[in-house]
Protein backbone atom coordinates (compact mmCIF):
# COMPACT_ATOMS: atom_id res chain seq x y z
CA MET A 1 0.00 0.00 0.00
CA LYS A 2 0.96 3.65 -0.47
CA ILE A 3 0.42 6.72 1.70
CA ASP A 4 -1.35 9.57 -0.06
CA VAL A 5 -0.35 13.11 0.91
CA LEU A 6 -2.62 16.14 1.01
CA LEU A 7 -1.11 19.60 1.36
CA GLY A 8 -1.55 23.25 0.50
CA ILE A 9 0.41 24.64 -2.42
CA GLN A 10 -0.01 28.36 -1.74
CA TRP A 11 0.50 30.38 1.48
CA GLY A 12 -1.85 28.23 3.54
CA ASP A 13 -5.60 28.59 4.18
CA GLU A 14 -6.40 26.68 0.97
CA GLY A 15 -9.21 24.63 2.54
CA LYS A 16 -7.28 21.51 3.53
CA GLY A 17 -9.51 20.63 6.49
CA LYS A 18 -12.66 20.42 4.40
CA VAL A 19 -10.97 18.33 1.70
CA VAL A 20 -9.54 15.89 4.26
CA ASP A 21 -12.99 15.56 5.80
CA VAL A 22 -14.48 14.80 2.37
CA LEU A 23 -11.77 12.25 1.49
CA THR A 24 -11.63 10.53 4.89
CA PRO A 25 -14.26 7.85 4.02
CA ASN A 26 -11.71 6.50 1.50
CA TYR A 27 -9.04 5.97 4.17
CA ASP A 28 -8.46 4.03 7.38
CA ILE A 29 -6.01 6.47 8.98
CA ILE A 30 -5.55 10.27 8.83
CA ALA A 31 -2.16 11.50 10.08
CA ARG A 32 -0.99 15.09 10.65
CA PHE A 33 2.72 15.34 9.90
CA GLN A 34 3.91 18.89 10.77
CA GLY A 35 3.00 22.29 12.16
CA GLY A 36 1.18 23.11 15.34
CA PRO A 37 -1.84 25.05 16.62
CA ASN A 38 -1.04 27.85 14.19
CA ALA A 39 -3.08 25.70 11.79
CA GLY A 40 -6.80 26.35 11.50
CA HIS A 41 -8.52 23.64 9.46
CA SER A 42 -12.19 24.56 9.04
CA LEU A 43 -14.91 21.96 8.49
CA GLU A 44 -18.61 22.52 7.81
CA PHE A 45 -21.34 19.89 7.72
CA GLY A 46 -24.99 20.08 8.63
CA ASN A 47 -25.32 23.12 10.87
CA ILE A 48 -21.84 22.68 12.36
CA ARG A 49 -18.78 24.78 11.59
CA HIS A 50 -15.70 23.66 13.47
CA VAL A 51 -12.02 24.65 13.38
CA LEU A 52 -9.29 22.12 14.19
CA HIS A 53 -5.79 23.20 15.21
CA SER A 54 -3.72 20.13 16.17
CA ILE A 55 -6.10 17.21 15.73
CA PRO A 56 -6.38 15.67 12.23
CA SER A 57 -9.41 16.58 10.14
CA GLY A 58 -10.71 13.01 10.04
CA ILE A 59 -11.74 13.14 13.69
CA PHE A 60 -15.47 13.49 12.94
CA HIS A 61 -15.50 10.05 11.30
CA GLU A 62 -15.72 7.82 14.37
CA GLU A 63 -14.60 4.65 12.59
CA LYS A 64 -11.32 6.22 11.41
CA ILE A 65 -7.97 6.39 13.23
CA ASN A 66 -6.37 9.83 13.59
CA ILE A 67 -2.68 10.29 14.37
CA ILE A 68 -0.71 13.35 15.46
CA GLY A 69 2.74 12.59 14.07
CA ASN A 70 6.20 13.26 15.41
CA GLY A 71 6.64 16.32 13.18
CA VAL A 72 3.84 18.19 14.95
CA VAL A 73 4.37 20.50 17.94
CA ILE A 74 1.64 20.44 20.59
CA ASP A 75 0.49 23.09 23.05
CA PRO A 76 -1.16 21.08 25.87
CA ILE A 77 -3.54 23.93 26.79
CA ILE A 78 -4.78 24.49 23.24
CA PHE A 79 -5.03 20.72 22.77
CA GLN A 80 -7.09 20.39 25.96
CA ASN A 81 -9.49 23.11 24.77
CA GLU A 82 -9.74 21.48 21.36
CA VAL A 83 -10.64 18.14 22.95
CA ALA A 84 -13.28 19.79 25.15
CA ASP A 85 -14.90 21.46 22.12
CA LEU A 86 -15.03 18.14 20.26
CA GLN A 87 -16.53 16.37 23.24
CA LYS A 88 -19.33 18.95 23.34
CA LEU A 89 -20.15 17.82 19.79
CA GLY A 90 -20.29 14.19 20.93
CA VAL A 91 -16.91 13.13 19.49
CA ASP A 92 -15.17 10.38 21.50
CA VAL A 93 -11.68 11.80 20.92
CA ARG A 94 -9.78 9.33 23.09
CA ARG A 95 -11.09 6.31 21.24
CA ASN A 96 -9.58 7.00 17.83
CA LEU A 97 -6.85 9.61 18.39
CA PHE A 98 -3.23 8.52 18.78
CA ILE A 99 -0.31 10.85 19.56
CA SER A 100 3.35 10.26 18.70
CA ARG A 101 5.65 10.12 21.70
CA LYS A 102 8.19 11.99 19.57
CA ALA A 103 6.00 15.04 18.96
CA HIS A 104 7.42 18.10 20.72
CA LEU A 105 5.75 20.15 23.45
CA ILE A 106 5.11 23.88 23.30
CA LEU A 107 5.89 25.34 26.73
CA PRO A 108 4.33 28.55 28.08
CA SER A 109 7.75 30.17 27.76
CA HIS A 110 7.86 29.30 24.05
CA ARG A 111 4.84 31.53 23.48
CA ILE A 112 6.42 34.31 25.52
CA LEU A 113 9.64 34.03 23.52
CA ASP A 114 7.62 34.16 20.31
CA ALA A 115 5.85 37.35 21.39
CA ALA A 116 9.04 38.99 22.65
CA SER A 117 10.96 38.21 19.47
CA GLU A 118 8.16 39.44 17.21
CA ALA A 119 7.73 42.65 19.21
CA SER A 120 11.46 43.40 18.95
CA LYS A 121 11.41 43.28 15.14
CA GLY A 122 9.21 46.34 14.70
CA LYS A 123 8.47 46.90 11.01
CA THR A 124 10.43 43.78 10.02
CA LYS A 125 8.16 41.37 11.94
CA ILE A 126 7.19 38.24 10.01
CA GLY A 127 3.57 38.05 11.16
CA SER A 128 3.90 35.16 13.60
CA THR A 129 0.70 33.71 15.08
CA LEU A 130 2.45 34.01 18.49
CA LYS A 131 1.63 30.38 19.33
CA GLY A 132 5.23 29.54 20.23
CA ILE A 133 5.75 27.43 17.12
CA GLY A 134 9.08 28.90 16.02
CA PRO A 135 10.80 28.77 19.44
CA THR A 136 9.60 25.18 19.91
CA TYR A 137 11.10 24.06 16.61
CA MET A 138 14.28 25.97 17.51
CA ASP A 139 14.58 23.94 20.71
CA LYS A 140 13.87 20.77 18.74
CA ILE A 141 16.67 21.49 16.28
CA GLY A 142 18.90 22.71 19.11
CA ARG A 143 18.36 19.36 20.92
CA ASN A 144 16.84 21.03 23.95
CA GLY A 145 13.17 20.25 23.37
CA LEU A 146 10.70 18.26 25.44
CA ARG A 147 8.65 15.56 23.76
CA ILE A 148 5.29 13.99 24.51
CA GLY A 149 6.99 10.82 25.71
CA ASP A 150 8.94 12.83 28.29
CA ILE A 151 5.79 13.59 30.30
CA LEU A 152 5.82 9.98 31.56
CA ARG A 153 9.42 10.14 32.75
CA PRO A 154 9.98 10.49 36.52
CA ASP A 155 12.46 13.33 35.91
CA PHE A 156 10.06 15.34 33.73
CA PRO A 157 9.79 18.21 36.29
CA ASP A 158 13.59 18.56 36.21
CA LEU A 159 13.65 18.56 32.41
CA TYR A 160 10.94 21.22 32.38
CA THR A 161 12.73 23.43 34.92
CA PHE A 162 16.01 23.21 32.98
CA LEU A 163 14.35 24.39 29.75
CA ILE A 164 12.33 27.12 31.48
CA ASN A 165 15.51 28.53 33.04
CA LYS A 166 17.13 28.56 29.62
CA HIS A 167 14.18 30.53 28.29
CA ARG A 168 14.32 32.99 31.19
CA ASN A 169 17.93 33.74 30.28
CA LEU A 170 16.99 34.27 26.64
CA LEU A 171 14.18 36.64 27.60
CA ARG A 172 16.64 38.93 29.39
CA GLN A 173 17.76 40.26 26.01
CA TYR A 174 14.28 41.68 25.35
CA ASP A 175 12.49 44.63 26.89
CA PHE A 176 9.37 42.55 27.40
CA SER A 177 7.28 41.96 30.51
CA TYR A 178 5.67 38.57 31.11
CA HIS A 179 4.00 36.48 33.81
CA LEU A 180 5.00 32.88 33.29
CA GLU A 181 3.56 31.52 36.54
CA GLU A 182 -0.01 32.38 35.49
CA GLU A 183 0.24 29.97 32.57
CA GLU A 184 2.18 27.17 34.23
CA GLU A 185 -0.67 25.91 36.42
CA LYS A 186 -3.00 25.53 33.43
CA TRP A 187 -0.17 23.96 31.41
CA PHE A 188 0.52 21.22 33.96
CA GLU A 189 -3.20 20.48 34.29
CA ALA A 190 -3.30 20.00 30.53
CA ILE A 191 -0.25 17.73 30.73
CA GLU A 192 -2.19 15.45 33.07
CA GLU A 193 -4.97 15.21 30.50
CA LEU A 194 -2.45 14.45 27.75
CA LYS A 195 -1.35 11.42 29.78
CA THR A 196 -4.82 9.92 29.38
CA PHE A 197 -4.45 9.65 25.59
CA GLN A 198 -2.98 6.81 23.57
CA LEU A 199 0.70 7.70 23.17
CA ILE A 200 2.45 5.63 20.51
CA ASP A 201 5.63 5.17 18.52
CA SER A 202 3.84 6.44 15.43
CA GLU A 203 6.55 5.41 12.98
CA TYR A 204 6.05 1.74 13.92
CA PHE A 205 2.28 2.14 14.07
CA ILE A 206 2.03 3.66 10.59
CA ASN A 207 4.47 1.33 8.88
CA GLN A 208 2.75 -1.68 10.42
CA ALA A 209 -0.58 -0.36 9.21
CA LEU A 210 0.86 -0.14 5.71
CA CYS A 211 1.98 -3.76 5.91
CA GLU A 212 -1.59 -4.69 6.90
CA GLY A 213 -2.98 -2.98 3.80
CA LYS A 214 -4.45 0.04 5.59
CA LYS A 215 -5.12 3.15 3.51
CA ILE A 216 -3.46 6.24 4.99
CA LEU A 217 -3.80 9.95 4.20
CA ALA A 218 -1.07 12.31 5.44
CA GLU A 219 -2.47 15.74 6.24
CA GLY A 220 -0.24 18.79 5.98
CA ALA A 221 -0.69 22.23 7.54
CA GLN A 222 0.15 25.74 6.28
CA GLY A 223 1.30 25.75 2.63
CA THR A 224 4.29 25.09 0.37
CA LEU A 225 5.15 28.78 0.01
CA LEU A 226 5.58 28.88 3.80
CA ASP A 227 8.01 25.96 3.85
CA ILE A 228 11.15 26.66 5.90
CA ASP A 229 13.40 25.66 2.97
CA PHE A 230 11.41 26.48 -0.16
CA GLY A 231 9.02 29.19 0.95
CA THR A 232 9.40 32.98 0.79
CA TYR A 233 12.09 33.04 3.47
CA PRO A 234 12.26 34.52 6.09
CA PHE A 235 8.49 35.05 5.98
CA VAL A 236 7.81 31.35 6.44
CA THR A 237 6.77 28.84 9.08
CA SER A 238 9.24 26.69 11.03
CA SER A 239 8.57 23.27 9.51
CA ASN A 240 8.68 21.48 6.18
CA THR A 241 5.21 21.84 4.70
CA THR A 242 6.04 19.80 1.58
CA THR A 243 5.70 16.13 0.65
CA ALA A 244 9.20 15.55 2.03
CA GLY A 245 7.90 16.76 5.40
CA ALA A 246 5.47 13.83 5.44
CA CYS A 247 8.40 11.43 5.42
CA THR A 248 10.23 13.06 8.34
CA GLY A 249 7.01 13.99 10.13
CA LEU A 250 5.62 10.46 10.18
CA GLY A 251 8.67 8.23 9.84
CA ILE A 252 7.88 6.81 6.42
CA PRO A 253 10.22 6.18 3.47
CA PRO A 254 9.82 8.14 0.21
CA ASN A 255 8.96 5.03 -1.80
CA VAL A 256 5.62 4.60 0.00
CA ILE A 257 4.26 7.98 -1.17
CA GLY A 258 1.32 7.48 -3.55
CA GLU A 259 -0.96 10.27 -4.71
CA VAL A 260 -0.03 13.84 -3.80
CA PHE A 261 -3.10 16.07 -3.60
CA GLY A 262 -2.14 19.72 -4.03
CA ILE A 263 -4.81 22.17 -2.86
CA ALA A 264 -5.04 25.70 -4.22
CA LYS A 265 -7.68 28.38 -4.09
CA ALA A 266 -9.00 29.79 -7.36
CA TYR A 267 -7.23 32.96 -6.19
CA CYS A 268 -4.46 33.64 -3.63
CA THR A 269 -4.35 34.81 -0.03
CA ARG A 270 -1.66 35.40 2.52
CA VAL A 271 -1.70 36.19 6.26
CA GLY A 272 0.95 38.34 7.89
CA SER A 273 4.03 39.88 6.31
CA GLY A 274 6.00 38.75 3.29
CA PRO A 275 6.04 39.13 -0.49
CA PHE A 276 2.86 38.55 -2.47
CA PRO A 277 3.33 39.53 -6.15
CA THR A 278 -0.33 39.22 -7.27
CA GLU A 279 -1.78 40.97 -4.21
CA LEU A 280 -4.65 43.36 -4.89
CA PHE A 281 -4.78 46.66 -3.00
CA ASP A 282 -7.99 47.90 -4.60
CA GLU A 283 -11.70 47.29 -4.16
CA THR A 284 -11.41 43.94 -5.96
CA GLY A 285 -9.09 42.68 -3.24
CA ASN A 286 -11.49 43.90 -0.58
CA GLN A 287 -14.39 42.17 -2.32
CA ILE A 288 -12.54 38.85 -2.50
CA ARG A 289 -11.84 39.15 1.23
CA GLU A 290 -15.49 39.90 1.97
CA TYR A 291 -17.02 37.28 -0.33
CA GLY A 292 -14.51 34.62 0.71
CA ASN A 293 -14.66 35.44 4.44
CA GLU A 294 -10.89 35.69 4.31
CA PHE A 295 -10.07 36.05 7.97
CA GLY A 296 -7.69 33.70 9.80
CA ALA A 297 -9.43 30.70 11.39
CA THR A 298 -6.85 30.74 14.19
CA THR A 299 -5.99 34.42 14.55
CA GLY A 300 -8.98 36.22 13.02
CA ARG A 301 -6.59 38.45 11.09
CA PRO A 302 -7.78 39.71 7.69
CA ARG A 303 -6.02 37.89 4.88
CA ARG A 304 -4.33 39.71 2.03
CA CYS A 305 -6.02 38.77 -1.24
CA GLY A 306 -4.96 38.63 -4.88
CA TRP A 307 -5.26 36.74 -8.14
CA LEU A 308 -3.91 33.23 -8.66
CA ASP A 309 -0.12 33.16 -9.10
CA LEU A 310 0.56 30.51 -11.76
CA LEU A 311 4.35 30.78 -11.51
CA ALA A 312 4.25 30.10 -7.77
CA LEU A 313 1.72 27.31 -8.33
CA LYS A 314 3.98 25.53 -10.85
CA TYR A 315 6.88 25.85 -8.40
CA ALA A 316 4.87 24.25 -5.60
CA ILE A 317 3.72 21.44 -7.89
CA MET A 318 7.34 20.71 -8.82
CA ILE A 319 8.61 20.73 -5.22
CA ASN A 320 5.87 18.38 -4.01
CA GLY A 321 5.46 16.04 -6.96
CA VAL A 322 1.74 16.87 -7.07
CA THR A 323 -0.29 14.27 -8.97
CA GLN A 324 -3.77 15.78 -8.54
CA LEU A 325 -4.89 19.37 -8.16
CA ILE A 326 -7.85 20.38 -6.02
CA ILE A 327 -9.26 23.88 -6.58
CA THR A 328 -11.20 25.43 -3.71
CA LYS A 329 -13.37 28.53 -3.25
CA ALA A 330 -14.26 28.77 -6.93
CA ASP A 331 -17.64 30.12 -5.80
CA VAL A 332 -16.03 33.19 -4.22
CA LEU A 333 -15.26 34.50 -7.71
CA ASN A 334 -18.95 34.30 -8.70
CA PHE A 335 -19.23 38.06 -8.34
CA PHE A 336 -16.60 39.08 -10.89
CA ASP A 337 -17.07 39.58 -14.62
CA GLU A 338 -13.32 39.28 -15.16
CA ILE A 339 -10.91 36.84 -13.50
CA LYS A 340 -7.14 37.17 -13.78
CA VAL A 341 -4.17 34.84 -13.43
CA GLY A 342 -0.60 35.98 -12.85
CA MET A 343 1.35 34.16 -15.57
CA HIS A 344 4.90 35.25 -14.73
CA TYR A 345 6.78 38.29 -13.41
CA GLN A 346 8.62 41.15 -15.05
CA PHE A 347 11.67 42.95 -13.70
CA GLU A 348 13.11 45.89 -15.65
CA ASP A 349 11.50 44.63 -18.90
CA ASN A 350 12.85 41.10 -18.36
CA ASP A 351 10.45 38.18 -18.04
CA ILE A 352 10.94 36.08 -14.89
CA THR A 353 9.66 32.56 -15.59
CA GLU A 354 11.12 30.72 -12.58
CA PHE A 355 10.13 31.33 -8.96
CA PRO A 356 13.00 33.58 -7.80
CA PHE A 357 15.28 33.28 -4.78
CA HIS A 358 14.13 36.71 -3.64
CA LEU A 359 10.66 38.09 -4.35
CA SER A 360 11.45 41.78 -4.70
CA ASP A 361 8.72 44.41 -4.54
CA LYS A 362 9.97 45.50 -7.96
CA LEU A 363 8.70 42.28 -9.56
CA LYS A 364 5.52 42.98 -11.49
CA PRO A 365 3.09 40.20 -12.39
CA VAL A 366 1.95 39.77 -15.98
CA PHE A 367 -1.75 38.85 -16.02
CA GLN A 368 -4.00 36.92 -18.37
CA SER A 369 -7.72 37.60 -18.19
CA PHE A 370 -10.66 35.19 -18.21
CA LYS A 371 -14.40 35.71 -18.25
CA GLY A 372 -16.15 35.21 -14.91
CA TRP A 373 -18.65 32.50 -14.01
CA LYS A 374 -21.69 31.91 -11.83
CA ILE A 375 -21.94 28.74 -9.74
CA GLU A 376 -25.38 27.60 -8.63
CA ASN A 377 -25.57 26.39 -5.02
CA TYR A 378 -24.59 22.71 -4.78
CA SER A 379 -24.82 22.29 -8.55
CA LYS A 380 -22.94 19.24 -9.80
CA ASN A 381 -22.38 20.91 -13.18
CA LEU A 382 -19.60 23.47 -13.39
CA PRO A 383 -20.25 26.59 -15.48
CA SER A 384 -18.58 26.52 -18.88
CA LYS A 385 -16.36 29.51 -18.08
CA LEU A 386 -15.11 27.84 -14.90
CA ASN A 387 -14.41 24.68 -16.89
CA GLU A 388 -12.37 26.76 -19.32
CA TYR A 389 -10.42 28.22 -16.40
CA ILE A 390 -9.75 24.75 -14.98
CA GLU A 391 -8.74 23.32 -18.34
CA PHE A 392 -6.32 26.23 -18.73
CA LEU A 393 -4.75 25.38 -15.35
CA GLU A 394 -4.49 21.71 -16.35
CA LYS A 395 -2.78 22.63 -19.60
CA GLU A 396 -0.32 25.00 -17.93
CA THR A 397 0.55 22.77 -14.97
CA LYS A 398 0.19 19.41 -16.77
CA ILE A 399 -1.65 18.14 -13.69
CA PRO A 400 -5.32 17.06 -13.66
CA VAL A 401 -7.80 18.97 -11.53
CA SER A 402 -9.68 16.12 -9.86
CA MET A 403 -11.88 18.09 -7.46
CA VAL A 404 -13.44 21.55 -7.32
CA SER A 405 -14.96 23.05 -4.18
CA THR A 406 -17.98 25.27 -4.81
CA GLY A 407 -18.91 26.11 -1.22
CA ALA A 408 -17.97 25.69 2.42
CA ASN A 409 -20.10 22.62 3.18
CA ARG A 410 -19.10 18.99 2.69
CA GLU A 411 -21.64 18.57 -0.09
CA ALA A 412 -20.22 21.43 -2.13
CA MET A 413 -17.43 19.34 -3.66
CA ILE A 414 -17.42 18.25 -7.28
CA PHE A 415 -15.32 15.25 -8.33
CA ARG A 416 -14.20 15.73 -11.91
CA LYS A 417 -12.05 12.62 -12.50
């Protein structure tokens, strides 16, 4: 058997949670492989709208196994709140959720460090969600981090104290006031709840499941253009958001990767700072934000909006080895008579046809225009103009568009091939 991978191929917020939820009936196991509670995967079904942060998006399917992999970083307090919200909806989280012992813990001091660092940058801040993600990954790479499995060790309090003291020393370089003790009590209460979950060596669990013929979907967070290596550095996240990240984030070899589902909106958005060549600063951009409800599911921040960037899309497809494209939020563009796609960039009259090392503000996108479309609610027939748009994307990327989302609900998903 192979493991299929599903990930975003823009700057995140592409609608991954909904697509995972729709695809989950085809799989036995859904496994998150990177990121942390900076993710906000939104799902809508019936009269329920729910946002997941750390827990995989297959959790509402009670017969499916969900795994938080070793590449994920977990804030015990946010996780505890997420579990409580799911339990209110009648979800038996403990029954089918498994957590890797090798996943790293976000400490209260990680969030303080995140806030202090971001505040010190002034106008050069990267737009962090202030969830402590970056400092946690820094400790992981620096071989100082605490992992889920450590909470069962008898010397865990000593390990915690050692790392907290290290963070206190780091915080001395900032002019930043904080109250760590207020958060610690809640954090340790949440640690006790974490102990009640099924903690596993997920690499063995997943590889054994493959041997048993189980179908597995690896769920990514954020998006390719936020990847720590291949994104618009330094305005990126702290993990590998690409297909390669699924291998290191779950403990699987590259030769077991099957389909790679790349999810992109019919337009582009970005949260926080960083380059965005096709960004719109006019009323059209405002309308896309309004019609698409483009506000962060985790932070509530308004998203920057612009037309689809084909050059960036091709780059993300190449990096990930995408085999199927999924286009979301096509319905948001219902209100426009003209739709545009950024084909490539220009710099001083020179065409830039490869995604550059540095996205300068002086790069100007070259657009191609398309006629707009109107999607009927829950119609299973795509408008002809939208089909033309999709066929254009297929021709340019050489990748089939297998699914198109025409609304927020589960039912608003059209399978093309």
